[in-house]
Amino acid sequence: MVEEIGVVTRFFGKIMVAAIKLTKPLKVDDNIRIEGATTAFEQKVESMQIDRKDISEASIGQEIAIKVKDRVRENDKVFLVE
């Protein structure tokens, strides 16, 4: 099952980190898929942060930062893959 859980709001290319605004909860070790006009890949959430503090789960409405393995763009959609 694939469910949309958020959208990319910013991308920091030098450190390969995406800021994602969540519309559903997300936990470390979840598998996500990021899709956009030129983006399409899956990866495991190895860690995430809010305000530079490590967290293990995030809830609806929070904006998180995660390391990504490929370039993403603003407004790319983020999906939870089960």
PDB file of N, CA and C in Angstrom:
ATOM      1  N   MET A   1       0.846  -1.186   0.000  1.00  0.00           N
ATOM      2  CA  MET A   1       0.000   0.000   0.000  1.00  0.00           C
ATOM      3  C   MET A   1       0.889   1.246   0.000  1.00  0.00           C
ATOM      4  N   VAL A   2       0.500   2.229  -0.797  1.00  0.00           N
ATOM      5  CA  VAL A   2       1.251   3.482  -0.875  1.00  0.00           C
ATOM      6  C   VAL A   2       0.300   4.615  -0.512  1.00  0.00           C
ATOM      7  N   GLU A   3       0.735   5.464   0.428  1.00  0.00           N
ATOM      8  CA  GLU A   3      -0.128   6.531   0.926  1.00  0.00           C
ATOM      9  C   GLU A   3       0.666   7.823   0.974  1.00  0.00           C
ATOM     10  N   GLU A   4       0.106   8.905   0.446  1.00  0.00           N
ATOM     11  CA  GLU A   4       0.802  10.193   0.479  1.00  0.00           C
ATOM     12  C   GLU A   4       0.861  10.699   1.917  1.00  0.00           C
ATOM     13  N   ILE A   5       2.068  11.092   2.352  1.00  0.00           N
ATOM     14  CA  ILE A   5       2.229  11.527   3.741  1.00  0.00           C
ATOM     15  C   ILE A   5       2.818  12.928   3.870  1.00  0.00           C
ATOM     16  N   GLY A   6       3.187  13.546   2.750  1.00  0.00           N
ATOM     17  CA  GLY A   6       3.757  14.886   2.870  1.00  0.00           C
ATOM     18  C   GLY A   6       4.287  15.422   1.562  1.00  0.00           C
ATOM     19  N   VAL A   7       4.913  16.593   1.664  1.00  0.00           N
ATOM     20  CA  VAL A   7       5.459  17.260   0.487  1.00  0.00           C
ATOM     21  C   VAL A   7       6.804  17.893   0.861  1.00  0.00           C
ATOM     22  N   VAL A   8       7.728  17.867  -0.096  1.00  0.00           N
ATOM     23  CA  VAL A   8       9.047  18.485   0.108  1.00  0.00           C
ATOM     24  C   VAL A   8       8.883  20.003   0.063  1.00  0.00           C
ATOM     25  N   THR A   9       9.388  20.682   1.096  1.00  0.00           N
ATOM     26  CA  THR A   9       9.301  22.143   1.128  1.00  0.00           C
ATOM     27  C   THR A   9      10.631  22.806   0.773  1.00  0.00           C
ATOM     28  N   ARG A  10      11.743  22.108   1.062  1.00  0.00           N
ATOM     29  CA  ARG A  10      13.073  22.638   0.725  1.00  0.00           C
ATOM     30  C   ARG A  10      14.036  21.487   0.518  1.00  0.00           C
ATOM     31  N   PHE A  11      15.129  21.776  -0.209  1.00  0.00           N
ATOM     32  CA  PHE A  11      16.177  20.783  -0.399  1.00  0.00           C
ATOM     33  C   PHE A  11      17.522  21.468  -0.222  1.00  0.00           C
ATOM     34  N   PHE A  12      18.373  20.842   0.584  1.00  0.00           N
ATOM     35  CA  PHE A  12      19.715  21.366   0.836  1.00  0.00           C
ATOM     36  C   PHE A  12      20.712  20.439   0.146  1.00  0.00           C
ATOM     37  N   GLY A  13      21.159  20.833  -1.035  1.00  0.00           N
ATOM     38  CA  GLY A  13      21.950  19.971  -1.906  1.00  0.00           C
ATOM     39  C   GLY A  13      23.308  19.573  -1.362  1.00  0.00           C
ATOM     40  N   LYS A  14      24.003  20.510  -0.697  1.00  0.00           N
ATOM     41  CA  LYS A  14      25.351  20.206  -0.200  1.00  0.00           C
ATOM     42  C   LYS A  14      25.325  19.083   0.828  1.00  0.00           C
ATOM     43  N   ILE A  15      24.282  19.053   1.672  1.00  0.00           N
ATOM     44  CA  ILE A  15      24.214  18.027   2.714  1.00  0.00           C
ATOM     45  C   ILE A  15      23.177  16.945   2.397  1.00  0.00           C
ATOM     46  N   MET A  16      22.523  17.063   1.239  1.00  0.00           N
ATOM     47  CA  MET A  16      21.529  16.065   0.791  1.00  0.00           C
ATOM     48  C   MET A  16      20.434  15.840   1.834  1.00  0.00           C
ATOM     49  N   VAL A  17      19.827  16.942   2.257  1.00  0.00           N
ATOM     50  CA  VAL A  17      18.743  16.888   3.242  1.00  0.00           C
ATOM     51  C   VAL A  17      17.496  17.529   2.651  1.00  0.00           C
ATOM     52  N   ALA A  18      16.363  16.861   2.855  1.00  0.00           N
ATOM     53  CA  ALA A  18      15.075  17.394   2.417  1.00  0.00           C
ATOM     54  C   ALA A  18      14.258  17.798   3.635  1.00  0.00           C
ATOM     55  N   ALA A  19      13.602  18.944   3.537  1.00  0.00           N
ATOM     56  CA  ALA A  19      12.618  19.355   4.543  1.00  0.00           C
ATOM     57  C   ALA A  19      11.254  18.916   4.012  1.00  0.00           C
ATOM     58  N   ILE A  20      10.501  18.221   4.854  1.00  0.00           N
ATOM     59  CA  ILE A  20       9.213  17.656   4.435  1.00  0.00           C
ATOM     60  C   ILE A  20       8.129  18.081   5.414  1.00  0.00           C
ATOM     61  N   LYS A  21       7.054  18.659   4.874  1.00  0.00           N
ATOM     62  CA  LYS A  21       5.883  19.015   5.690  1.00  0.00           C
ATOM     63  C   LYS A  21       4.943  17.810   5.671  1.00  0.00           C
ATOM     64  N   LEU A  22       4.654  17.266   6.850  1.00  0.00           N
ATOM     65  CA  LEU A  22       3.886  16.019   6.939  1.00  0.00           C
ATOM     66  C   LEU A  22       2.376  16.248   6.995  1.00  0.00           C
ATOM     67  N   THR A  23       1.651  15.380   6.277  1.00  0.00           N
ATOM     68  CA  THR A  23       0.191  15.352   6.366  1.00  0.00           C
ATOM     69  C   THR A  23      -0.268  14.068   7.057  1.00  0.00           C
ATOM     70  N   LYS A  24       0.694  13.165   7.328  1.00  0.00           N
ATOM     71  CA  LYS A  24       0.445  11.915   8.075  1.00  0.00           C
ATOM     72  C   LYS A  24       1.672  11.659   8.939  1.00  0.00           C
ATOM     73  N   PRO A  25       1.564  10.832   9.990  1.00  0.00           N
ATOM     74  CA  PRO A  25       2.731  10.541  10.838  1.00  0.00           C
ATOM     75  C   PRO A  25       3.814   9.745  10.094  1.00  0.00           C
ATOM     76  N   LEU A  26       5.042   9.848  10.584  1.00  0.00           N
ATOM     77  CA  LEU A  26       6.179   9.134   9.997  1.00  0.00           C
ATOM     78  C   LEU A  26       7.126   8.737  11.123  1.00  0.00           C
ATOM     79  N   LYS A  27       7.735   7.537  10.986  1.00  0.00           N
ATOM     80  CA  LYS A  27       8.678   7.049  11.995  1.00  0.00           C
ATOM     81  C   LYS A  27      10.009   6.674  11.334  1.00  0.00           C
ATOM     82  N   VAL A  28      11.074   6.684  12.141  1.00  0.00           N
ATOM     83  CA  VAL A  28      12.358   6.162  11.683  1.00  0.00           C
ATOM     84  C   VAL A  28      12.149   4.683  11.346  1.00  0.00           C
ATOM     85  N   ASP A  29      12.801   4.210  10.319  1.00  0.00           N
ATOM     86  CA  ASP A  29      12.713   2.846   9.772  1.00  0.00           C
ATOM     87  C   ASP A  29      11.546   2.649   8.806  1.00  0.00           C
ATOM     88  N   ASP A  30      10.658   3.660   8.648  1.00  0.00           N
ATOM     89  CA  ASP A  30       9.622   3.567   7.621  1.00  0.00           C
ATOM     90  C   ASP A  30      10.287   3.669   6.249  1.00  0.00           C
ATOM     91  N   ASN A  31       9.654   3.062   5.251  1.00  0.00           N
ATOM     92  CA  ASN A  31      10.110   3.196   3.873  1.00  0.00           C
ATOM     93  C   ASN A  31       9.256   4.246   3.181  1.00  0.00           C
ATOM     94  N   ILE A  32       9.936   5.165   2.479  1.00  0.00           N
ATOM     95  CA  ILE A  32       9.213   6.220   1.774  1.00  0.00           C
ATOM     96  C   ILE A  32       9.576   6.216   0.292  1.00  0.00           C
ATOM     97  N   ARG A  33       8.706   6.815  -0.496  1.00  0.00           N
ATOM     98  CA  ARG A  33       8.951   7.036  -1.918  1.00  0.00           C
ATOM     99  C   ARG A  33       8.749   8.519  -2.166  1.00  0.00           C
ATOM    100  N   ILE A  34       9.679   9.127  -2.883  1.00  0.00           N
ATOM    101  CA  ILE A  34       9.568  10.546  -3.223  1.00  0.00           C
ATOM    102  C   ILE A  34       9.405  10.639  -4.738  1.00  0.00           C
ATOM    103  N   GLU A  35       8.344  11.342  -5.152  1.00  0.00           N
ATOM    104  CA  GLU A  35       8.033  11.444  -6.579  1.00  0.00           C
ATOM    105  C   GLU A  35       7.761  12.881  -6.969  1.00  0.00           C
ATOM    106  N   GLY A  36       8.226  13.220  -8.167  1.00  0.00           N
ATOM    107  CA  GLY A  36       7.960  14.543  -8.727  1.00  0.00           C
ATOM    108  C   GLY A  36       8.164  14.479 -10.222  1.00  0.00           C
ATOM    109  N   ALA A  37       8.229  15.637 -10.853  1.00  0.00           N
ATOM    110  CA  ALA A  37       8.380  15.692 -12.311  1.00  0.00           C
ATOM    111  C   ALA A  37       9.641  14.957 -12.766  1.00  0.00           C
ATOM    112  N   THR A  38      10.737  15.111 -12.012  1.00  0.00           N
ATOM    113  CA  THR A  38      11.990  14.445 -12.391  1.00  0.00           C
ATOM    114  C   THR A  38      12.558  13.627 -11.233  1.00  0.00           C
ATOM    115  N   THR A  39      11.740  13.338 -10.241  1.00  0.00           N
ATOM    116  CA  THR A  39      12.182  12.605  -9.049  1.00  0.00           C
ATOM    117  C   THR A  39      11.382  11.321  -8.925  1.00  0.00           C
ATOM    118  N   ALA A  40      12.054  10.212  -8.614  1.00  0.00           N
ATOM    119  CA  ALA A  40      11.354   8.945  -8.345  1.00  0.00           C
ATOM    120  C   ALA A  40      12.339   7.965  -7.721  1.00  0.00           C
ATOM    121  N   PHE A  41      12.255   7.813  -6.395  1.00  0.00           N
ATOM    122  CA  PHE A  41      13.082   6.811  -5.721  1.00  0.00           C
ATOM    123  C   PHE A  41      12.469   6.454  -4.386  1.00  0.00           C
ATOM    124  N   GLU A  42      12.884   5.292  -3.872  1.00  0.00           N
ATOM    125  CA  GLU A  42      12.451   4.835  -2.551  1.00  0.00           C
ATOM    126  C   GLU A  42      13.668   4.759  -1.645  1.00  0.00           C
ATOM    127  N   GLN A  43      13.434   4.953  -0.362  1.00  0.00           N
ATOM    128  CA  GLN A  43      14.505   4.793   0.612  1.00  0.00           C
ATOM    129  C   GLN A  43      13.906   4.585   1.995  1.00  0.00           C
ATOM    130  N   LYS A  44      14.733   4.086   2.891  1.00  0.00           N
ATOM    131  CA  LYS A  44      14.351   3.905   4.290  1.00  0.00           C
ATOM    132  C   LYS A  44      14.694   5.188   5.040  1.00  0.00           C
ATOM    133  N   VAL A  45      13.839   5.577   5.974  1.00  0.00           N
ATOM    134  CA  VAL A  45      14.121   6.743   6.818  1.00  0.00           C
ATOM    135  C   VAL A  45      15.080   6.286   7.914  1.00  0.00           C
ATOM    136  N   GLU A  46      16.346   6.683   7.792  1.00  0.00           N
ATOM    137  CA  GLU A  46      17.365   6.253   8.746  1.00  0.00           C
ATOM    138  C   GLU A  46      17.382   7.134   9.987  1.00  0.00           C
ATOM    139  N   SER A  47      17.068   8.415   9.796  1.00  0.00           N
ATOM    140  CA  SER A  47      16.992   9.348  10.918  1.00  0.00           C
ATOM    141  C   SER A  47      16.198  10.558  10.462  1.00  0.00           C
ATOM    142  N   MET A  48      15.667  11.291  11.422  1.00  0.00           N
ATOM    143  CA  MET A  48      14.998  12.542  11.079  1.00  0.00           C
ATOM    144  C   MET A  48      15.155  13.525  12.220  1.00  0.00           C
ATOM    145  N   GLN A  49      15.016  14.802  11.871  1.00  0.00           N
ATOM    146  CA  GLN A  49      15.235  15.848  12.859  1.00  0.00           C
ATOM    147  C   GLN A  49      14.165  16.931  12.753  1.00  0.00           C
ATOM    148  N   ILE A  50      13.917  17.566  13.891  1.00  0.00           N
ATOM    149  CA  ILE A  50      13.148  18.812  13.931  1.00  0.00           C
ATOM    150  C   ILE A  50      14.017  19.797  14.697  1.00  0.00           C
ATOM    151  N   ASP A  51      14.256  20.961  14.105  1.00  0.00           N
ATOM    152  CA  ASP A  51      15.123  21.983  14.723  1.00  0.00           C
ATOM    153  C   ASP A  51      16.472  21.396  15.149  1.00  0.00           C
ATOM    154  N   ARG A  52      17.063  20.584  14.295  1.00  0.00           N
ATOM    155  CA  ARG A  52      18.384  19.968  14.497  1.00  0.00           C
ATOM    156  C   ARG A  52      18.445  18.995  15.671  1.00  0.00           C
ATOM    157  N   LYS A  53      17.287  18.536  16.156  1.00  0.00           N
ATOM    158  CA  LYS A  53      17.255  17.531  17.228  1.00  0.00           C
ATOM    159  C   LYS A  53      16.722  16.227  16.657  1.00  0.00           C
ATOM    160  N   ASP A  54      17.432  15.123  16.941  1.00  0.00           N
ATOM    161  CA  ASP A  54      16.994  13.817  16.455  1.00  0.00           C
ATOM    162  C   ASP A  54      15.669  13.425  17.101  1.00  0.00           C
ATOM    163  N   ILE A  55      14.774  12.884  16.274  1.00  0.00           N
ATOM    164  CA  ILE A  55      13.497  12.374  16.771  1.00  0.00           C
ATOM    165  C   ILE A  55      13.266  10.995  16.162  1.00  0.00           C
ATOM    166  N   SER A  56      12.410  10.191  16.785  1.00  0.00           N
ATOM    167  CA  SER A  56      12.141   8.857  16.255  1.00  0.00           C
ATOM    168  C   SER A  56      10.797   8.795  15.527  1.00  0.00           C
ATOM    169  N   GLU A  57       9.908   9.750  15.827  1.00  0.00           N
ATOM    170  CA  GLU A  57       8.659   9.827  15.072  1.00  0.00           C
ATOM    171  C   GLU A  57       8.166  11.261  15.022  1.00  0.00           C
ATOM    172  N   ALA A  58       7.404  11.546  13.977  1.00  0.00           N
ATOM    173  CA  ALA A  58       6.862  12.892  13.780  1.00  0.00           C
ATOM    174  C   ALA A  58       5.381  12.766  13.453  1.00  0.00           C
ATOM    175  N   SER A  59       4.626  13.805  13.786  1.00  0.00           N
ATOM    176  CA  SER A  59       3.187  13.733  13.582  1.00  0.00           C
ATOM    177  C   SER A  59       2.708  14.738  12.537  1.00  0.00           C
ATOM    178  N   ILE A  60       1.413  14.667  12.273  1.00  0.00           N
ATOM    179  CA  ILE A  60       0.779  15.511  11.249  1.00  0.00           C
ATOM    180  C   ILE A  60       1.084  16.982  11.522  1.00  0.00           C
ATOM    181  N   GLY A  61       1.438  17.708  10.457  1.00  0.00           N
ATOM    182  CA  GLY A  61       1.662  19.142  10.562  1.00  0.00           C
ATOM    183  C   GLY A  61       3.092  19.543  10.873  1.00  0.00           C
ATOM    184  N   GLN A  62       3.926  18.575  11.297  1.00  0.00           N
ATOM    185  CA  GLN A  62       5.314  18.918  11.611  1.00  0.00           C
ATOM    186  C   GLN A  62       6.150  18.975  10.330  1.00  0.00           C
ATOM    187  N   GLU A  63       7.189  19.799  10.387  1.00  0.00           N
ATOM    188  CA  GLU A  63       8.138  19.857   9.270  1.00  0.00           C
ATOM    189  C   GLU A  63       9.432  19.215   9.752  1.00  0.00           C
ATOM    190  N   ILE A  64       9.827  18.155   9.060  1.00  0.00           N
ATOM    191  CA  ILE A  64      10.997  17.377   9.460  1.00  0.00           C
ATOM    192  C   ILE A  64      12.101  17.513   8.424  1.00  0.00           C
ATOM    193  N   ALA A  65      13.304  17.129   8.817  1.00  0.00           N
ATOM    194  CA  ALA A  65      14.441  17.087   7.898  1.00  0.00           C
ATOM    195  C   ALA A  65      14.974  15.663   7.881  1.00  0.00           C
ATOM    196  N   ILE A  66      15.161  15.125   6.678  1.00  0.00           N
ATOM    197  CA  ILE A  66      15.755  13.790   6.555  1.00  0.00           C
ATOM    198  C   ILE A  66      16.836  13.800   5.484  1.00  0.00           C
ATOM    199  N   LYS A  67      17.824  12.927   5.669  1.00  0.00           N
ATOM    200  CA  LYS A  67      18.845  12.720   4.642  1.00  0.00           C
ATOM    201  C   LYS A  67      18.192  11.970   3.491  1.00  0.00           C
ATOM    202  N   VAL A  68      18.479  12.379   2.271  1.00  0.00           N
ATOM    203  CA  VAL A  68      17.952  11.681   1.096  1.00  0.00           C
ATOM    204  C   VAL A  68      19.101  11.207   0.232  1.00  0.00           C
ATOM    205  N   LYS A  69      18.871  10.114  -0.500  1.00  0.00           N
ATOM    206  CA  LYS A  69      19.957   9.519  -1.285  1.00  0.00           C
ATOM    207  C   LYS A  69      20.064  10.110  -2.680  1.00  0.00           C
ATOM    208  N   ASP A  70      19.090  10.936  -3.060  1.00  0.00           N
ATOM    209  CA  ASP A  70      19.103  11.544  -4.390  1.00  0.00           C
ATOM    210  C   ASP A  70      18.515  12.945  -4.277  1.00  0.00           C
ATOM    211  N   ARG A  71      18.704  13.725  -5.325  1.00  0.00           N
ATOM    212  CA  ARG A  71      18.179  15.089  -5.341  1.00  0.00           C
ATOM    213  C   ARG A  71      16.647  15.085  -5.351  1.00  0.00           C
ATOM    214  N   VAL A  72      16.058  15.991  -4.582  1.00  0.00           N
ATOM    215  CA  VAL A  72      14.603  16.190  -4.606  1.00  0.00           C
ATOM    216  C   VAL A  72      14.334  17.666  -4.882  1.00  0.00           C
ATOM    217  N   ARG A  73      13.088  17.973  -5.178  1.00  0.00           N
ATOM    218  CA  ARG A  73      12.725  19.350  -5.479  1.00  0.00           C
ATOM    219  C   ARG A  73      11.511  19.775  -4.667  1.00  0.00           C
ATOM    220  N   GLU A  74      11.370  21.069  -4.485  1.00  0.00           N
ATOM    221  CA  GLU A  74      10.194  21.590  -3.784  1.00  0.00           C
ATOM    222  C   GLU A  74       8.929  21.076  -4.451  1.00  0.00           C
ATOM    223  N   ASN A  75       7.959  20.731  -3.637  1.00  0.00           N
ATOM    224  CA  ASN A  75       6.641  20.226  -4.070  1.00  0.00           C
ATOM    225  C   ASN A  75       6.652  18.775  -4.542  1.00  0.00           C
ATOM    226  N   ASP A  76       7.804  18.090  -4.485  1.00  0.00           N
ATOM    227  CA  ASP A  76       7.781  16.633  -4.720  1.00  0.00           C
ATOM    228  C   ASP A  76       6.907  16.009  -3.638  1.00  0.00           C
ATOM    229  N   LYS A  77       6.170  14.975  -4.003  1.00  0.00           N
ATOM    230  CA  LYS A  77       5.290  14.313  -3.044  1.00  0.00           C
ATOM    231  C   LYS A  77       6.022  13.171  -2.357  1.00  0.00           C
ATOM    232  N   VAL A  78       5.697  12.965  -1.080  1.00  0.00           N
ATOM    233  CA  VAL A  78       6.327  11.913  -0.279  1.00  0.00           C
ATOM    234  C   VAL A  78       5.249  10.903   0.092  1.00  0.00           C
ATOM    235  N   PHE A  79       5.563   9.626  -0.150  1.00  0.00           N
ATOM    236  CA  PHE A  79       4.617   8.542   0.106  1.00  0.00           C
ATOM    237  C   PHE A  79       5.218   7.545   1.082  1.00  0.00           C
ATOM    238  N   LEU A  80       4.351   6.957   1.910  1.00  0.00           N
ATOM    239  CA  LEU A  80       4.752   5.866   2.797  1.00  0.00           C
ATOM    240  C   LEU A  80       4.540   4.562   2.033  1.00  0.00           C
ATOM    241  N   VAL A  81       5.565   3.718   1.980  1.00  0.00           N
ATOM    242  CA  VAL A  81       5.489   2.446   1.262  1.00  0.00           C
ATOM    243  C   VAL A  81       5.452   1.331   2.298  1.00  0.00           C
ATOM    244  N   GLU A  82       4.424   0.476   2.224  1.00  0.00           N
ATOM    245  CA  GLU A  82       4.312  -0.638   3.184  1.00  0.00           C
ATOM    246  C   GLU A  82       4.563  -1.960   2.507  1.00  0.00           C
TER     247      GLU A  82
END
